[in-house]
Amino acid sequence: MTITELLPPDVEPVTLAEVKAHLRLETTEEDTLLTALIHTARLHLESQTGLCLISRLLRLYLDDWPEGRVIQIARGPVQTIEIVTVYDSSGAPVELDTAGYVLDGAARPARLVLPERRATERALNGIEIDFTAGFGESGADVPDTLKRALTLHVAAMFELRGVLSLDDQPGAVPQGYERLIAPHCQRRL
């Protein structure tokens, strides 16, 4: 199972103005760096939690259908299933009818049951499921604890701006960060 991002989010969960207010910065000299740090902090948080903070289009690749009827989608929260494509013996894509699908998008991982499961002839990545995942279209839809974690993380990275290059970030995770994101992390046994 592989998931790729088809379209990046249009906005970040926290704005430059929110971060600057937290840091008590009034000049624009560091705006480019802060914007990049916000992006880095979001990517780090999303990799830690398995969440998409801002809604975007993703694609799940499967080699074959799972043994049970339930397809698990590791990124969430899943809002909608857009398209399900299966590749036939000639390698041509066939779009499946998704009418009547059942989606539990809030579950972690999200769960999907499709009414039709046509066999794929491709050995690898024969099934593609395009879906939209995220809390919403703007930072206002993102839980406050996650926004707070992002702001603290950006501040910690900003503190290290003279020590670490942007490519070496995130260089530090601030105290309290783990506690803020813990309720949103998936734990495995």
Protein backbone atom coordinates (compact mmCIF):
# COMPACT_ATOMS: atom_id res chain seq x y z
CA MET A 1 0.00 0.00 0.00
CA THR A 2 1.37 3.37 -1.06
CA ILE A 3 -0.26 6.76 -0.69
CA THR A 4 0.79 9.76 -2.76
CA GLU A 5 -0.34 13.36 -2.69
CA LEU A 6 -1.92 14.40 -6.00
CA LEU A 7 -2.58 18.02 -5.07
CA PRO A 8 -0.85 19.90 -2.24
CA PRO A 9 -3.01 21.90 0.16
CA ASP A 10 -3.83 25.47 -0.87
CA VAL A 11 -3.01 26.90 2.57
CA GLU A 12 -1.12 25.98 5.72
CA PRO A 13 -2.94 25.23 9.00
CA VAL A 14 -1.32 28.22 10.71
CA THR A 15 -0.79 31.55 9.01
CA LEU A 16 2.35 33.61 8.85
CA ALA A 17 0.56 36.27 10.91
CA GLU A 18 -0.25 33.75 13.67
CA VAL A 19 3.36 32.58 13.85
CA LYS A 20 4.70 36.13 13.83
CA ALA A 21 2.31 37.08 16.63
CA HIS A 22 3.52 34.08 18.66
CA LEU A 23 7.15 35.08 18.08
CA ARG A 24 6.36 38.77 18.62
CA LEU A 25 7.94 39.68 15.29
CA GLU A 26 6.79 42.85 13.57
CA THR A 27 9.21 43.05 10.64
CA THR A 28 8.98 41.20 7.34
CA GLU A 29 12.68 40.26 7.18
CA GLU A 30 12.10 36.65 8.26
CA ASP A 31 8.82 36.01 6.39
CA THR A 32 10.35 33.72 3.75
CA LEU A 33 12.09 31.60 6.37
CA LEU A 34 9.00 31.44 8.59
CA THR A 35 6.82 30.38 5.66
CA ALA A 36 9.26 27.54 4.90
CA LEU A 37 9.37 26.53 8.58
CA ILE A 38 5.56 26.40 8.74
CA HIS A 39 5.61 24.03 5.75
CA THR A 40 8.32 21.87 7.35
CA ALA A 41 6.47 21.73 10.68
CA ARG A 42 3.25 20.65 8.94
CA LEU A 43 5.02 17.88 7.02
CA HIS A 44 6.65 16.66 10.24
CA LEU A 45 3.39 16.66 12.18
CA GLU A 46 1.54 14.88 9.40
CA SER A 47 4.22 12.19 9.20
CA GLN A 48 4.07 11.72 12.99
CA THR A 49 0.27 11.44 13.16
CA GLY A 50 -0.79 10.05 9.78
CA LEU A 51 -3.21 12.96 9.42
CA CYS A 52 -3.81 15.44 6.64
CA LEU A 53 -4.42 18.77 8.32
CA ILE A 54 -5.72 20.69 5.31
CA SER A 55 -7.94 18.92 2.74
CA ARG A 56 -6.25 17.63 -0.38
CA LEU A 57 -6.49 14.93 -3.03
CA LEU A 58 -4.50 11.74 -2.40
CA ARG A 59 -4.16 8.38 -4.18
CA LEU A 60 -3.96 4.97 -2.53
CA TYR A 61 -2.21 2.30 -4.61
CA LEU A 62 -2.99 -1.37 -3.94
CA ASP A 63 -1.47 -4.41 -5.64
CA ASP A 64 -4.65 -6.43 -5.05
CA TRP A 65 -7.84 -6.29 -3.02
CA PRO A 66 -7.47 -7.15 0.68
CA GLU A 67 -8.75 -10.57 1.80
CA GLY A 68 -11.70 -9.13 3.70
CA ARG A 69 -14.11 -6.65 2.19
CA VAL A 70 -12.70 -3.72 4.19
CA ILE A 71 -10.02 -1.52 2.62
CA GLN A 72 -8.01 0.43 5.19
CA ILE A 73 -6.77 3.91 4.33
CA ALA A 74 -3.93 5.04 6.59
CA ARG A 75 -4.18 8.80 5.92
CA GLY A 76 -7.14 10.66 7.31
CA PRO A 77 -9.59 11.96 8.11
CA VAL A 78 -11.01 10.77 4.77
CA GLN A 79 -13.82 13.00 3.54
CA THR A 80 -14.77 11.47 0.20
CA ILE A 81 -13.83 8.77 -2.28
CA GLU A 82 -13.40 10.39 -5.68
CA ILE A 83 -12.47 7.64 -8.16
CA VAL A 84 -11.58 3.94 -7.97
CA THR A 85 -9.59 2.67 -10.94
CA VAL A 86 -8.60 -0.92 -11.78
CA TYR A 87 -6.30 -1.91 -14.65
CA ASP A 88 -7.47 -4.70 -16.99
CA SER A 89 -5.41 -7.33 -18.85
CA SER A 90 -4.49 -4.90 -21.63
CA GLY A 91 -3.31 -2.32 -19.08
CA ALA A 92 -6.26 -0.02 -19.71
CA PRO A 93 -7.79 1.79 -16.74
CA VAL A 94 -11.35 0.85 -15.81
CA GLU A 95 -13.24 3.19 -13.49
CA LEU A 96 -15.42 1.32 -10.98
CA ASP A 97 -18.89 2.43 -10.00
CA THR A 98 -18.58 3.71 -6.42
CA ALA A 99 -22.31 4.25 -5.90
CA GLY A 100 -23.27 2.51 -2.69
CA TYR A 101 -19.80 2.48 -1.15
CA VAL A 102 -19.55 2.62 2.64
CA LEU A 103 -16.90 4.90 4.14
CA ASP A 104 -15.94 5.34 7.76
CA GLY A 105 -13.62 8.27 7.14
CA ALA A 106 -13.25 9.32 10.77
CA ALA A 107 -11.91 5.91 11.87
CA ARG A 108 -8.14 5.53 12.29
CA PRO A 109 -7.35 4.04 9.83
CA ALA A 110 -10.31 4.98 7.67
CA ARG A 111 -12.34 2.05 6.38
CA LEU A 112 -13.91 1.65 2.96
CA VAL A 113 -16.21 -1.07 1.57
CA LEU A 114 -16.90 -1.00 -2.16
CA PRO A 115 -19.93 -2.64 -3.79
CA GLU A 116 -17.87 -3.79 -6.79
CA ARG A 117 -14.40 -5.33 -6.66
CA ARG A 118 -13.24 -6.10 -10.16
CA ALA A 119 -10.03 -8.15 -10.46
CA THR A 120 -6.89 -6.38 -11.58
CA GLU A 121 -4.45 -7.83 -14.09
CA ARG A 122 -1.51 -5.67 -13.05
CA ALA A 123 1.03 -7.28 -10.71
CA LEU A 124 1.87 -4.00 -8.95
CA ASN A 125 -0.33 -0.97 -8.22
CA GLY A 126 -3.26 -2.45 -10.12
CA ILE A 127 -5.82 -0.59 -8.02
CA GLU A 128 -5.92 3.17 -7.49
CA ILE A 129 -8.28 4.86 -5.05
CA ASP A 130 -8.37 8.66 -5.24
CA PHE A 131 -9.73 10.28 -2.09
CA THR A 132 -9.91 13.62 -0.34
CA ALA A 133 -8.53 13.74 3.19
CA GLY A 134 -8.12 16.51 5.76
CA PHE A 135 -9.96 18.39 8.46
CA GLY A 136 -11.13 21.12 6.09
CA GLU A 137 -10.14 23.86 3.66
CA SER A 138 -8.57 26.24 6.20
CA GLY A 139 -6.69 26.33 9.46
CA ALA A 140 -9.95 27.14 11.25
CA ASP A 141 -10.99 23.50 10.68
CA VAL A 142 -7.82 22.04 12.28
CA PRO A 143 -7.96 21.09 15.98
CA ASP A 144 -6.43 23.80 18.19
CA THR A 145 -3.99 21.40 19.88
CA LEU A 146 -2.44 20.55 16.50
CA LYS A 147 -2.21 24.22 15.56
CA ARG A 148 -0.54 24.93 18.91
CA ALA A 149 1.94 22.10 18.31
CA LEU A 150 2.76 23.56 14.87
CA THR A 151 3.30 27.05 16.28
CA LEU A 152 5.60 25.74 19.04
CA HIS A 153 7.54 23.67 16.52
CA VAL A 154 8.03 26.62 14.17
CA ALA A 155 9.27 28.71 17.11
CA ALA A 156 11.78 26.00 18.10
CA MET A 157 13.09 25.73 14.54
CA PHE A 158 13.24 29.52 14.25
CA GLU A 159 15.44 29.58 17.35
CA LEU A 160 17.89 27.25 15.57
CA ARG A 161 17.93 29.25 12.32
CA GLY A 162 21.58 30.22 12.68
CA VAL A 163 22.69 26.72 13.66
CA LEU A 164 20.82 24.53 11.16
CA SER A 165 20.01 25.16 7.53
CA LEU A 166 16.41 24.88 6.36
CA ASP A 167 17.28 21.55 4.71
CA ASP A 168 18.36 20.13 8.09
CA GLN A 169 15.09 21.05 9.81
CA PRO A 170 13.30 19.92 11.89
CA GLY A 171 16.30 20.09 14.17
CA ALA A 172 14.36 20.16 17.41
CA VAL A 173 10.97 19.29 18.77
CA PRO A 174 9.91 21.63 21.57
CA GLN A 175 8.98 20.53 25.04
CA GLY A 176 5.28 19.69 25.21
CA TYR A 177 4.99 18.96 21.48
CA GLU A 178 4.60 15.20 21.97
CA ARG A 179 1.84 15.71 24.56
CA LEU A 180 -0.07 17.99 22.19
CA ILE A 181 -0.03 15.55 19.27
CA ALA A 182 -0.33 12.30 21.31
CA PRO A 183 -4.14 12.09 21.16
CA HIS A 184 -3.92 12.26 17.36
CA CYS A 185 -1.19 9.62 16.90
CA GLN A 186 -1.93 6.04 15.97
CA ARG A 187 -0.41 3.52 18.34
CA ARG A 188 0.46 0.06 17.14
CA LEU A 189 1.08 -3.03 19.23
